[in-house]
Amino acid sequence: MMENPEANSFQFDEVDHLLRNAELRDQIEPYVDESICRVNVQSLSTAKENEFLASMLAWERAPVLPIQAWFDPPLSIPRPADFCMDLEGADTLHQVLWETIYRLFEKRIVLEFTDHLSDRELYQVIFRDILPSEEKKMEDSQSYLHWDCADATRNPEIYLRYYASDEEREEWEQEYGHPPPERTRAPFLRQLPKKPL
């Protein structure tokens, strides 16, 4: 009787997945909490469960560093006040801003909701809030850090005014009992680099 090589390959793959699963479960055991327990791993294939466990393990082991220290050497940009308020200073700031945006994207940091900010205001957010912020530095090339430049959790008015969908605005009105701020077109439209789909 001839053996089916594809069936044997599948069995070997499944054994490899099960062995890897046992290894990952042992390694993640010290970190297990309710966030891991909430995922119904029974609904996942062993291969998908392994991906999930590996990503959780990578998250737990990732070092927490100021974003500027994610770079070698650490990313240092001029203070916003170093740029003159004249046209030449604005041009220089614009150039340094975009260089910094692309440097951040190289480390998989995506800036979102920036179109209400002038170049100077966005630069100040990067200098004051983003670069010194201590975040988990994930080495996984699939992981992106999304930075909400509208600060929607603390200031929903900006998000509602410039970025919210009709549905989000309606939900907000129902929840808070008064209409959201009038929708306004954001004054500084930008095509920023985005996480690939």
N, C-alpha and C. Protein backbone atom coordinates (compact mmCIF):
# COMPACT_ATOMS: atom_id res chain seq x y z
N MET A 1 0.85 -1.19 0.00
CA MET A 1 0.00 0.00 0.00
C MET A 1 0.89 1.25 0.00
N MET A 2 0.60 2.18 -0.91
CA MET A 2 1.42 3.39 -1.03
C MET A 2 1.02 4.41 0.03
N GLU A 3 2.03 5.07 0.59
CA GLU A 3 1.76 6.12 1.56
C GLU A 3 1.51 7.43 0.84
N ASN A 4 0.66 8.23 1.42
CA ASN A 4 0.36 9.55 0.88
C ASN A 4 1.35 10.55 1.46
N PRO A 5 2.31 11.05 0.63
CA PRO A 5 3.32 11.99 1.19
C PRO A 5 2.70 13.26 1.75
N GLU A 6 1.58 13.73 1.16
CA GLU A 6 0.95 14.96 1.66
C GLU A 6 0.38 14.74 3.05
N ALA A 7 -0.22 13.55 3.27
CA ALA A 7 -0.77 13.24 4.59
C ALA A 7 0.34 13.17 5.62
N ASN A 8 1.47 12.55 5.26
CA ASN A 8 2.61 12.48 6.18
C ASN A 8 3.14 13.87 6.50
N SER A 9 3.22 14.72 5.47
CA SER A 9 3.70 16.09 5.67
C SER A 9 2.78 16.83 6.63
N PHE A 10 1.46 16.66 6.45
CA PHE A 10 0.49 17.32 7.33
C PHE A 10 0.68 16.84 8.77
N GLN A 11 0.87 15.52 8.96
CA GLN A 11 1.04 14.98 10.30
C GLN A 11 2.30 15.54 10.95
N PHE A 12 3.41 15.59 10.18
CA PHE A 12 4.65 16.14 10.73
C PHE A 12 4.48 17.61 11.09
N ASP A 13 3.80 18.38 10.22
CA ASP A 13 3.55 19.79 10.50
C ASP A 13 2.74 19.94 11.79
N GLU A 14 1.70 19.13 11.93
CA GLU A 14 0.84 19.22 13.12
C GLU A 14 1.63 18.87 14.38
N VAL A 15 2.50 17.87 14.30
CA VAL A 15 3.35 17.52 15.44
C VAL A 15 4.28 18.68 15.78
N ASP A 16 4.86 19.30 14.75
CA ASP A 16 5.71 20.48 14.99
C ASP A 16 4.94 21.60 15.67
N HIS A 17 3.70 21.83 15.21
CA HIS A 17 2.86 22.87 15.81
C HIS A 17 2.56 22.54 17.27
N LEU A 18 2.27 21.28 17.56
CA LEU A 18 1.96 20.88 18.94
C LEU A 18 3.18 21.03 19.85
N LEU A 19 4.36 20.65 19.33
CA LEU A 19 5.58 20.81 20.12
C LEU A 19 5.87 22.29 20.38
N ARG A 20 5.71 23.10 19.34
CA ARG A 20 5.92 24.55 19.49
C ARG A 20 4.90 25.12 20.47
N ASN A 21 3.66 24.63 20.42
CA ASN A 21 2.62 25.10 21.31
C ASN A 21 2.98 24.84 22.77
N ALA A 22 3.48 23.64 23.04
CA ALA A 22 3.88 23.30 24.42
C ALA A 22 5.02 24.21 24.88
N GLU A 23 5.96 24.46 23.99
CA GLU A 23 7.09 25.34 24.31
C GLU A 23 6.62 26.76 24.62
N LEU A 24 5.73 27.30 23.77
CA LEU A 24 5.22 28.65 23.97
C LEU A 24 4.41 28.75 25.26
N ARG A 25 3.59 27.75 25.53
CA ARG A 25 2.78 27.77 26.77
C ARG A 25 3.68 27.78 28.00
N ASP A 26 4.77 27.02 27.97
CA ASP A 26 5.71 27.02 29.10
C ASP A 26 6.35 28.41 29.27
N GLN A 27 6.74 29.02 28.15
CA GLN A 27 7.43 30.30 28.22
C GLN A 27 6.51 31.44 28.66
N ILE A 28 5.24 31.34 28.29
CA ILE A 28 4.32 32.45 28.60
C ILE A 28 3.67 32.29 29.97
N GLU A 29 3.82 31.14 30.59
CA GLU A 29 3.18 30.87 31.88
C GLU A 29 3.40 31.97 32.92
N PRO A 30 4.62 32.50 33.10
CA PRO A 30 4.80 33.55 34.12
C PRO A 30 4.02 34.84 33.83
N TYR A 31 3.58 35.03 32.59
CA TYR A 31 2.92 36.28 32.22
C TYR A 31 1.40 36.15 32.12
N VAL A 32 0.87 34.94 32.34
CA VAL A 32 -0.56 34.69 32.10
C VAL A 32 -1.40 35.57 33.02
N ASP A 33 -2.33 36.28 32.42
CA ASP A 33 -3.30 37.08 33.16
C ASP A 33 -4.62 37.04 32.40
N GLU A 34 -5.55 37.88 32.83
CA GLU A 34 -6.89 37.83 32.23
C GLU A 34 -6.91 38.20 30.75
N SER A 35 -5.97 39.02 30.28
CA SER A 35 -5.98 39.41 28.87
C SER A 35 -5.67 38.22 27.97
N ILE A 36 -4.80 37.34 28.43
CA ILE A 36 -4.49 36.15 27.65
C ILE A 36 -5.63 35.14 27.78
N CYS A 37 -6.18 35.04 28.99
CA CYS A 37 -7.25 34.06 29.24
C CYS A 37 -8.55 34.40 28.51
N ARG A 38 -8.74 35.68 28.15
CA ARG A 38 -9.98 36.09 27.47
C ARG A 38 -10.09 35.54 26.05
N VAL A 39 -8.96 35.20 25.45
CA VAL A 39 -8.98 34.70 24.07
C VAL A 39 -9.34 33.23 24.10
N ASN A 40 -10.35 32.87 23.33
CA ASN A 40 -10.79 31.47 23.25
C ASN A 40 -9.89 30.73 22.27
N VAL A 41 -8.80 30.16 22.79
CA VAL A 41 -7.84 29.49 21.92
C VAL A 41 -8.41 28.21 21.33
N GLN A 42 -9.49 27.67 21.92
CA GLN A 42 -10.11 26.46 21.36
C GLN A 42 -10.69 26.73 19.97
N SER A 43 -10.99 27.98 19.68
CA SER A 43 -11.55 28.31 18.36
C SER A 43 -10.46 28.52 17.31
N LEU A 44 -9.20 28.46 17.73
CA LEU A 44 -8.08 28.67 16.81
C LEU A 44 -7.42 27.35 16.45
N SER A 45 -6.86 27.29 15.25
CA SER A 45 -6.02 26.15 14.91
C SER A 45 -4.76 26.24 15.76
N THR A 46 -4.03 25.14 15.88
CA THR A 46 -2.80 25.16 16.68
C THR A 46 -1.81 26.16 16.11
N ALA A 47 -1.71 26.24 14.78
CA ALA A 47 -0.79 27.19 14.15
C ALA A 47 -1.17 28.63 14.51
N LYS A 48 -2.48 28.96 14.46
CA LYS A 48 -2.94 30.32 14.79
C LYS A 48 -2.75 30.61 16.28
N GLU A 49 -3.01 29.61 17.11
CA GLU A 49 -2.80 29.78 18.55
C GLU A 49 -1.32 30.08 18.81
N ASN A 50 -0.43 29.38 18.09
CA ASN A 50 1.00 29.62 18.25
C ASN A 50 1.37 31.05 17.86
N GLU A 51 0.77 31.55 16.78
CA GLU A 51 1.03 32.94 16.38
C GLU A 51 0.60 33.89 17.48
N PHE A 52 -0.59 33.64 18.05
CA PHE A 52 -1.11 34.49 19.12
C PHE A 52 -0.19 34.44 20.34
N LEU A 53 0.19 33.22 20.76
CA LEU A 53 1.05 33.08 21.94
C LEU A 53 2.42 33.73 21.71
N ALA A 54 2.97 33.54 20.51
CA ALA A 54 4.28 34.14 20.19
C ALA A 54 4.19 35.66 20.23
N SER A 55 3.09 36.23 19.72
CA SER A 55 2.96 37.69 19.75
C SER A 55 2.80 38.20 21.18
N MET A 56 2.05 37.46 22.01
CA MET A 56 1.90 37.86 23.42
C MET A 56 3.24 37.77 24.16
N LEU A 57 3.99 36.72 23.87
CA LEU A 57 5.30 36.55 24.50
C LEU A 57 6.25 37.67 24.08
N ALA A 58 6.23 38.00 22.79
CA ALA A 58 7.07 39.10 22.30
C ALA A 58 6.68 40.41 22.99
N TRP A 59 5.38 40.64 23.17
CA TRP A 59 4.91 41.84 23.85
C TRP A 59 5.43 41.89 25.29
N GLU A 60 5.30 40.77 25.99
CA GLU A 60 5.72 40.73 27.40
C GLU A 60 7.22 40.95 27.55
N ARG A 61 8.00 40.44 26.60
CA ARG A 61 9.45 40.53 26.71
C ARG A 61 10.04 41.80 26.11
N ALA A 62 9.23 42.55 25.40
CA ALA A 62 9.75 43.76 24.73
C ALA A 62 10.20 44.78 25.77
N PRO A 63 11.34 45.42 25.53
CA PRO A 63 11.81 46.44 26.48
C PRO A 63 10.97 47.71 26.37
N VAL A 64 10.81 48.39 27.49
CA VAL A 64 10.12 49.68 27.52
C VAL A 64 11.20 50.76 27.47
N LEU A 65 11.17 51.55 26.39
CA LEU A 65 12.19 52.57 26.18
C LEU A 65 11.54 53.85 25.67
N PRO A 66 12.15 55.01 25.96
CA PRO A 66 11.68 56.22 25.28
C PRO A 66 11.81 56.02 23.77
N ILE A 67 10.85 56.49 23.02
CA ILE A 67 10.88 56.27 21.57
C ILE A 67 12.17 56.79 20.96
N GLN A 68 12.69 57.91 21.45
CA GLN A 68 13.94 58.42 20.88
C GLN A 68 15.08 57.42 21.03
N ALA A 69 15.00 56.53 22.04
CA ALA A 69 16.04 55.52 22.27
C ALA A 69 15.85 54.27 21.40
N TRP A 70 14.78 54.23 20.61
CA TRP A 70 14.59 53.13 19.67
C TRP A 70 15.58 53.24 18.52
N PHE A 71 16.23 54.38 18.41
CA PHE A 71 17.15 54.66 17.31
C PHE A 71 18.59 54.55 17.81
N ASP A 72 19.50 54.23 16.89
CA ASP A 72 20.91 54.16 17.23
C ASP A 72 21.70 55.02 16.25
N PRO A 73 22.20 56.17 16.66
CA PRO A 73 22.11 56.75 18.00
C PRO A 73 20.69 57.26 18.28
N PRO A 74 20.39 57.56 19.54
CA PRO A 74 19.04 58.05 19.87
C PRO A 74 18.65 59.25 19.00
N LEU A 75 17.38 59.26 18.60
CA LEU A 75 16.88 60.33 17.72
C LEU A 75 16.78 61.63 18.50
N SER A 76 17.49 62.63 18.01
CA SER A 76 17.47 63.95 18.64
C SER A 76 17.14 64.97 17.56
N ILE A 77 16.13 65.78 17.83
CA ILE A 77 15.73 66.81 16.86
C ILE A 77 15.80 68.17 17.56
N PRO A 78 15.95 69.25 16.78
CA PRO A 78 16.02 70.58 17.40
C PRO A 78 14.74 70.91 18.16
N ARG A 79 14.89 71.74 19.18
CA ARG A 79 13.71 72.22 19.92
C ARG A 79 12.84 73.06 18.98
N PRO A 80 11.53 73.02 19.15
CA PRO A 80 10.67 73.85 18.29
C PRO A 80 11.06 75.33 18.32
N ALA A 81 11.49 75.81 19.46
CA ALA A 81 11.87 77.23 19.58
C ALA A 81 13.12 77.58 18.78
N ASP A 82 13.87 76.56 18.36
CA ASP A 82 15.09 76.81 17.57
C ASP A 82 14.78 77.26 16.15
N PHE A 83 13.55 77.07 15.71
CA PHE A 83 13.17 77.48 14.35
C PHE A 83 12.58 78.88 14.41
N CYS A 84 13.12 79.77 13.62
CA CYS A 84 12.59 81.13 13.55
C CYS A 84 11.15 81.10 13.06
N MET A 85 10.43 82.16 13.37
CA MET A 85 9.03 82.24 12.97
C MET A 85 8.87 82.79 11.55
N ASP A 86 9.97 83.10 10.87
CA ASP A 86 9.87 83.65 9.52
C ASP A 86 9.69 82.51 8.50
N LEU A 87 9.61 82.89 7.23
CA LEU A 87 9.37 81.92 6.15
C LEU A 87 10.50 80.90 6.05
N GLU A 88 11.73 81.34 6.19
CA GLU A 88 12.87 80.43 6.11
C GLU A 88 12.82 79.41 7.25
N GLY A 89 12.49 79.89 8.46
CA GLY A 89 12.37 78.99 9.61
C GLY A 89 11.25 77.98 9.41
N ALA A 90 10.13 78.44 8.82
CA ALA A 90 9.00 77.54 8.56
C ALA A 90 9.38 76.47 7.55
N ASP A 91 10.14 76.84 6.51
CA ASP A 91 10.59 75.87 5.52
C ASP A 91 11.52 74.83 6.14
N THR A 92 12.44 75.28 7.00
CA THR A 92 13.37 74.36 7.65
C THR A 92 12.61 73.42 8.59
N LEU A 93 11.68 73.98 9.36
CA LEU A 93 10.88 73.15 10.26
C LEU A 93 10.10 72.11 9.46
N HIS A 94 9.50 72.51 8.34
CA HIS A 94 8.74 71.59 7.49
C HIS A 94 9.62 70.42 7.03
N GLN A 95 10.84 70.75 6.61
CA GLN A 95 11.77 69.72 6.14
C GLN A 95 12.15 68.76 7.27
N VAL A 96 12.50 69.30 8.45
CA VAL A 96 12.88 68.45 9.58
C VAL A 96 11.68 67.63 10.06
N LEU A 97 10.50 68.23 10.04
CA LEU A 97 9.28 67.51 10.42
C LEU A 97 9.10 66.26 9.57
N TRP A 98 9.17 66.41 8.25
CA TRP A 98 8.94 65.27 7.36
C TRP A 98 10.06 64.23 7.47
N GLU A 99 11.28 64.69 7.65
CA GLU A 99 12.37 63.72 7.88
C GLU A 99 12.08 62.90 9.15
N THR A 100 11.60 63.58 10.18
CA THR A 100 11.29 62.91 11.44
C THR A 100 10.11 61.95 11.30
N ILE A 101 9.09 62.37 10.56
CA ILE A 101 7.94 61.49 10.33
C ILE A 101 8.39 60.20 9.66
N TYR A 102 9.25 60.31 8.65
CA TYR A 102 9.71 59.09 7.96
C TYR A 102 10.66 58.27 8.84
N ARG A 103 11.45 58.93 9.67
CA ARG A 103 12.30 58.18 10.61
C ARG A 103 11.43 57.39 11.59
N LEU A 104 10.36 58.02 12.10
CA LEU A 104 9.45 57.32 13.00
C LEU A 104 8.80 56.13 12.30
N PHE A 105 8.41 56.33 11.04
CA PHE A 105 7.76 55.25 10.30
C PHE A 105 8.72 54.07 10.09
N GLU A 106 10.01 54.37 9.94
CA GLU A 106 10.99 53.28 9.82
C GLU A 106 10.95 52.37 11.05
N LYS A 107 10.58 52.90 12.19
CA LYS A 107 10.45 52.11 13.42
C LYS A 107 9.00 51.67 13.64
N ARG A 108 8.19 51.76 12.57
CA ARG A 108 6.79 51.32 12.59
C ARG A 108 5.95 52.14 13.57
N ILE A 109 6.20 53.44 13.59
CA ILE A 109 5.37 54.37 14.36
C ILE A 109 4.57 55.18 13.37
N VAL A 110 3.25 55.05 13.45
CA VAL A 110 2.34 55.69 12.51
C VAL A 110 1.63 56.83 13.23
N LEU A 111 1.71 58.02 12.67
CA LEU A 111 1.02 59.17 13.23
C LEU A 111 -0.37 59.25 12.62
N GLU A 112 -1.37 59.41 13.47
CA GLU A 112 -2.75 59.48 13.00
C GLU A 112 -3.41 60.76 13.49
N PHE A 113 -4.38 61.22 12.71
CA PHE A 113 -5.19 62.39 13.05
C PHE A 113 -4.31 63.63 13.28
N THR A 114 -3.58 64.00 12.23
CA THR A 114 -2.66 65.14 12.33
C THR A 114 -3.16 66.36 11.55
N ASP A 115 -4.23 66.21 10.78
CA ASP A 115 -4.61 67.25 9.82
C ASP A 115 -5.15 68.53 10.45
N HIS A 116 -5.42 68.51 11.74
CA HIS A 116 -5.87 69.74 12.41
C HIS A 116 -4.69 70.52 12.96
N LEU A 117 -3.49 69.95 12.90
CA LEU A 117 -2.29 70.58 13.46
C LEU A 117 -1.45 71.23 12.37
N SER A 118 -0.95 72.41 12.63
CA SER A 118 0.02 73.03 11.72
C SER A 118 1.33 72.25 11.80
N ASP A 119 2.25 72.53 10.90
CA ASP A 119 3.55 71.86 10.96
C ASP A 119 4.21 72.10 12.33
N ARG A 120 4.18 73.33 12.78
CA ARG A 120 4.82 73.65 14.07
C ARG A 120 4.15 72.91 15.21
N GLU A 121 2.82 72.85 15.21
CA GLU A 121 2.10 72.16 16.27
C GLU A 121 2.40 70.65 16.25
N LEU A 122 2.42 70.05 15.05
CA LEU A 122 2.73 68.62 14.95
C LEU A 122 4.17 68.37 15.40
N TYR A 123 5.08 69.24 15.00
CA TYR A 123 6.48 69.10 15.42
C TYR A 123 6.57 69.14 16.95
N GLN A 124 5.81 70.05 17.56
CA GLN A 124 5.81 70.15 19.03
C GLN A 124 5.29 68.86 19.67
N VAL A 125 4.25 68.26 19.08
CA VAL A 125 3.73 66.99 19.60
C VAL A 125 4.80 65.91 19.54
N ILE A 126 5.51 65.85 18.41
CA ILE A 126 6.57 64.85 18.27
C ILE A 126 7.68 65.11 19.29
N PHE A 127 8.10 66.35 19.40
CA PHE A 127 9.21 66.71 20.30
C PHE A 127 8.83 66.51 21.76
N ARG A 128 7.65 66.98 22.15
CA ARG A 128 7.25 67.01 23.56
C ARG A 128 6.62 65.70 24.04
N ASP A 129 5.81 65.07 23.17
CA ASP A 129 5.02 63.92 23.61
C ASP A 129 5.53 62.57 23.09
N ILE A 130 5.86 62.52 21.81
CA ILE A 130 6.17 61.22 21.20
C ILE A 130 7.58 60.76 21.53
N LEU A 131 8.59 61.55 21.22
CA LEU A 131 9.98 61.09 21.39
C LEU A 131 10.31 60.71 22.84
N PRO A 132 9.87 61.45 23.85
CA PRO A 132 10.20 61.03 25.22
C PRO A 132 9.29 59.94 25.78
N SER A 133 8.22 59.60 25.08
CA SER A 133 7.26 58.63 25.60
C SER A 133 7.88 57.23 25.69
N GLU A 134 7.73 56.61 26.85
CA GLU A 134 8.25 55.26 27.05
C GLU A 134 7.22 54.24 26.57
N GLU A 135 7.62 53.47 25.59
CA GLU A 135 6.73 52.50 24.95
C GLU A 135 7.46 51.17 24.76
N LYS A 136 6.67 50.10 24.60
CA LYS A 136 7.24 48.79 24.31
C LYS A 136 7.83 48.79 22.91
N LYS A 137 9.09 48.44 22.79
CA LYS A 137 9.75 48.38 21.48
C LYS A 137 9.65 46.96 20.95
N MET A 138 8.71 46.76 20.06
CA MET A 138 8.48 45.44 19.47
C MET A 138 9.39 45.25 18.27
N GLU A 139 10.06 44.13 18.22
CA GLU A 139 10.94 43.83 17.08
C GLU A 139 10.18 43.21 15.93
N ASP A 140 8.97 42.72 16.20
CA ASP A 140 8.15 42.08 15.17
C ASP A 140 7.80 43.08 14.08
N SER A 141 8.12 42.75 12.84
CA SER A 141 7.90 43.69 11.74
C SER A 141 6.42 43.90 11.43
N GLN A 142 5.54 43.11 12.06
CA GLN A 142 4.10 43.26 11.84
C GLN A 142 3.47 44.23 12.84
N SER A 143 4.20 44.58 13.88
CA SER A 143 3.65 45.41 14.94
C SER A 143 3.90 46.89 14.66
N TYR A 144 2.84 47.67 14.73
CA TYR A 144 2.93 49.13 14.54
C TYR A 144 2.40 49.82 15.78
N LEU A 145 3.04 50.93 16.12
CA LEU A 145 2.55 51.79 17.18
C LEU A 145 1.80 52.93 16.52
N HIS A 146 0.52 53.05 16.82
CA HIS A 146 -0.31 54.10 16.24
C HIS A 146 -0.44 55.22 17.27
N TRP A 147 0.01 56.42 16.88
CA TRP A 147 -0.02 57.56 17.79
C TRP A 147 -1.17 58.48 17.41
N ASP A 148 -2.13 58.61 18.32
CA ASP A 148 -3.31 59.44 18.11
C ASP A 148 -2.96 60.90 18.42
N CYS A 149 -2.72 61.67 17.38
CA CYS A 149 -2.33 63.08 17.57
C CYS A 149 -3.53 63.97 17.87
N ALA A 150 -4.73 63.44 17.82
CA ALA A 150 -5.91 64.21 18.22
C ALA A 150 -6.20 64.03 19.71
N ASP A 151 -5.53 63.06 20.34
CA ASP A 151 -5.72 62.78 21.76
C ASP A 151 -7.21 62.61 22.06
N ALA A 152 -7.85 61.74 21.26
CA ALA A 152 -9.31 61.61 21.30
C ALA A 152 -9.84 61.14 22.65
N THR A 153 -9.06 60.38 23.40
CA THR A 153 -9.59 59.91 24.68
C THR A 153 -9.73 61.05 25.68
N ARG A 154 -8.80 62.01 25.64
CA ARG A 154 -8.89 63.13 26.58
C ARG A 154 -9.61 64.33 25.99
N ASN A 155 -9.64 64.43 24.68
CA ASN A 155 -10.25 65.59 24.04
C ASN A 155 -11.08 65.14 22.83
N PRO A 156 -12.26 64.57 23.07
CA PRO A 156 -13.05 64.05 21.96
C PRO A 156 -13.53 65.13 20.99
N GLU A 157 -13.55 66.38 21.42
CA GLU A 157 -14.07 67.45 20.57
C GLU A 157 -13.27 67.57 19.26
N ILE A 158 -11.95 67.43 19.34
CA ILE A 158 -11.13 67.54 18.13
C ILE A 158 -11.45 66.41 17.18
N TYR A 159 -11.50 65.18 17.73
CA TYR A 159 -11.80 64.02 16.89
C TYR A 159 -13.19 64.18 16.25
N LEU A 160 -14.16 64.58 17.05
CA LEU A 160 -15.53 64.74 16.53
C LEU A 160 -15.61 65.83 15.47
N ARG A 161 -14.89 66.90 15.67
CA ARG A 161 -14.95 68.02 14.73
C ARG A 161 -14.32 67.69 13.38
N TYR A 162 -13.17 67.00 13.40
CA TYR A 162 -12.40 66.82 12.17
C TYR A 162 -12.40 65.41 11.59
N TYR A 163 -12.57 64.39 12.41
CA TYR A 163 -12.28 63.03 11.94
C TYR A 163 -13.42 62.03 12.07
N ALA A 164 -14.35 62.24 12.96
CA ALA A 164 -15.38 61.24 13.25
C ALA A 164 -16.31 61.03 12.06
N SER A 165 -16.74 59.78 11.90
CA SER A 165 -17.72 59.45 10.87
C SER A 165 -19.10 59.92 11.34
N ASP A 166 -20.07 59.95 10.42
CA ASP A 166 -21.44 60.32 10.79
C ASP A 166 -21.96 59.39 11.88
N GLU A 167 -21.65 58.11 11.75
CA GLU A 167 -22.12 57.12 12.73
C GLU A 167 -21.52 57.39 14.11
N GLU A 168 -20.22 57.69 14.15
CA GLU A 168 -19.57 57.99 15.43
C GLU A 168 -20.14 59.26 16.06
N ARG A 169 -20.40 60.25 15.23
CA ARG A 169 -20.97 61.49 15.75
C ARG A 169 -22.37 61.25 16.32
N GLU A 170 -23.14 60.43 15.63
CA GLU A 170 -24.50 60.11 16.08
C GLU A 170 -24.46 59.32 17.40
N GLU A 171 -23.57 58.34 17.48
CA GLU A 171 -23.44 57.56 18.72
C GLU A 171 -23.05 58.46 19.88
N TRP A 172 -22.14 59.40 19.63
CA TRP A 172 -21.70 60.32 20.68
C TRP A 172 -22.88 61.17 21.15
N GLU A 173 -23.66 61.68 20.21
CA GLU A 173 -24.81 62.51 20.55
C GLU A 173 -25.82 61.73 21.40
N GLN A 174 -26.06 60.48 21.03
CA GLN A 174 -26.99 59.65 21.80
C GLN A 174 -26.47 59.39 23.22
N GLU A 175 -25.18 59.17 23.33
CA GLU A 175 -24.61 58.86 24.64
C GLU A 175 -24.56 60.08 25.55
N TYR A 176 -24.23 61.27 25.00
CA TYR A 176 -24.03 62.45 25.84
C TYR A 176 -25.19 63.44 25.83
N GLY A 177 -26.17 63.21 24.98
CA GLY A 177 -27.38 64.01 25.03
C GLY A 177 -27.30 65.40 24.44
N HIS A 178 -26.24 65.73 23.73
CA HIS A 178 -26.17 67.00 23.01
C HIS A 178 -25.35 66.80 21.74
N PRO A 179 -25.57 67.65 20.76
CA PRO A 179 -24.89 67.44 19.47
C PRO A 179 -23.38 67.63 19.57
N PRO A 180 -22.65 66.90 18.73
CA PRO A 180 -21.20 67.10 18.70
C PRO A 180 -20.87 68.44 18.08
N PRO A 181 -19.62 68.89 18.20
CA PRO A 181 -19.25 70.16 17.57
C PRO A 181 -19.46 70.08 16.05
N GLU A 182 -19.68 71.22 15.46
CA GLU A 182 -19.90 71.27 14.02
C GLU A 182 -18.71 70.68 13.27
N ARG A 183 -19.02 69.84 12.26
CA ARG A 183 -17.95 69.23 11.47
C ARG A 183 -17.23 70.32 10.68
N THR A 184 -15.90 70.26 10.71
CA THR A 184 -15.07 71.25 10.03
C THR A 184 -14.00 70.52 9.23
N ARG A 185 -13.69 71.04 8.07
CA ARG A 185 -12.62 70.45 7.26
C ARG A 185 -11.28 70.78 7.91
N ALA A 186 -10.47 69.74 8.10
CA ALA A 186 -9.16 69.95 8.72
C ALA A 186 -8.30 70.85 7.83
N PRO A 187 -7.60 71.82 8.42
CA PRO A 187 -6.89 72.83 7.60
C PRO A 187 -5.53 72.39 7.05
N PHE A 188 -4.96 71.27 7.53
CA PHE A 188 -3.59 70.91 7.13
C PHE A 188 -3.55 69.46 6.64
N LEU A 189 -4.16 69.21 5.50
CA LEU A 189 -4.26 67.84 4.98
C LEU A 189 -2.87 67.32 4.63
N ARG A 190 -2.58 66.11 5.11
CA ARG A 190 -1.27 65.48 4.87
C ARG A 190 -1.46 64.05 4.39
N GLN A 191 -0.54 63.59 3.57
CA GLN A 191 -0.48 62.18 3.16
C GLN A 191 0.67 61.53 3.94
N LEU A 192 0.38 61.06 5.12
CA LEU A 192 1.42 60.47 5.96
C LEU A 192 1.60 59.00 5.63
N PRO A 193 2.80 58.46 5.86
CA PRO A 193 2.97 57.01 5.63
C PRO A 193 2.07 56.23 6.58
N LYS A 194 1.51 55.14 6.06
CA LYS A 194 0.57 54.33 6.81
C LYS A 194 1.00 52.89 6.86
N LYS A 195 0.49 52.17 7.84
CA LYS A 195 0.73 50.74 7.92
C LYS A 195 0.18 50.08 6.67
N PRO A 196 0.97 49.22 6.01
CA PRO A 196 0.45 48.54 4.82
C PRO A 196 -0.70 47.62 5.19
N LEU A 197 -1.68 47.51 4.28
CA LEU A 197 -2.84 46.64 4.55
C LEU A 197 -2.50 45.19 4.31
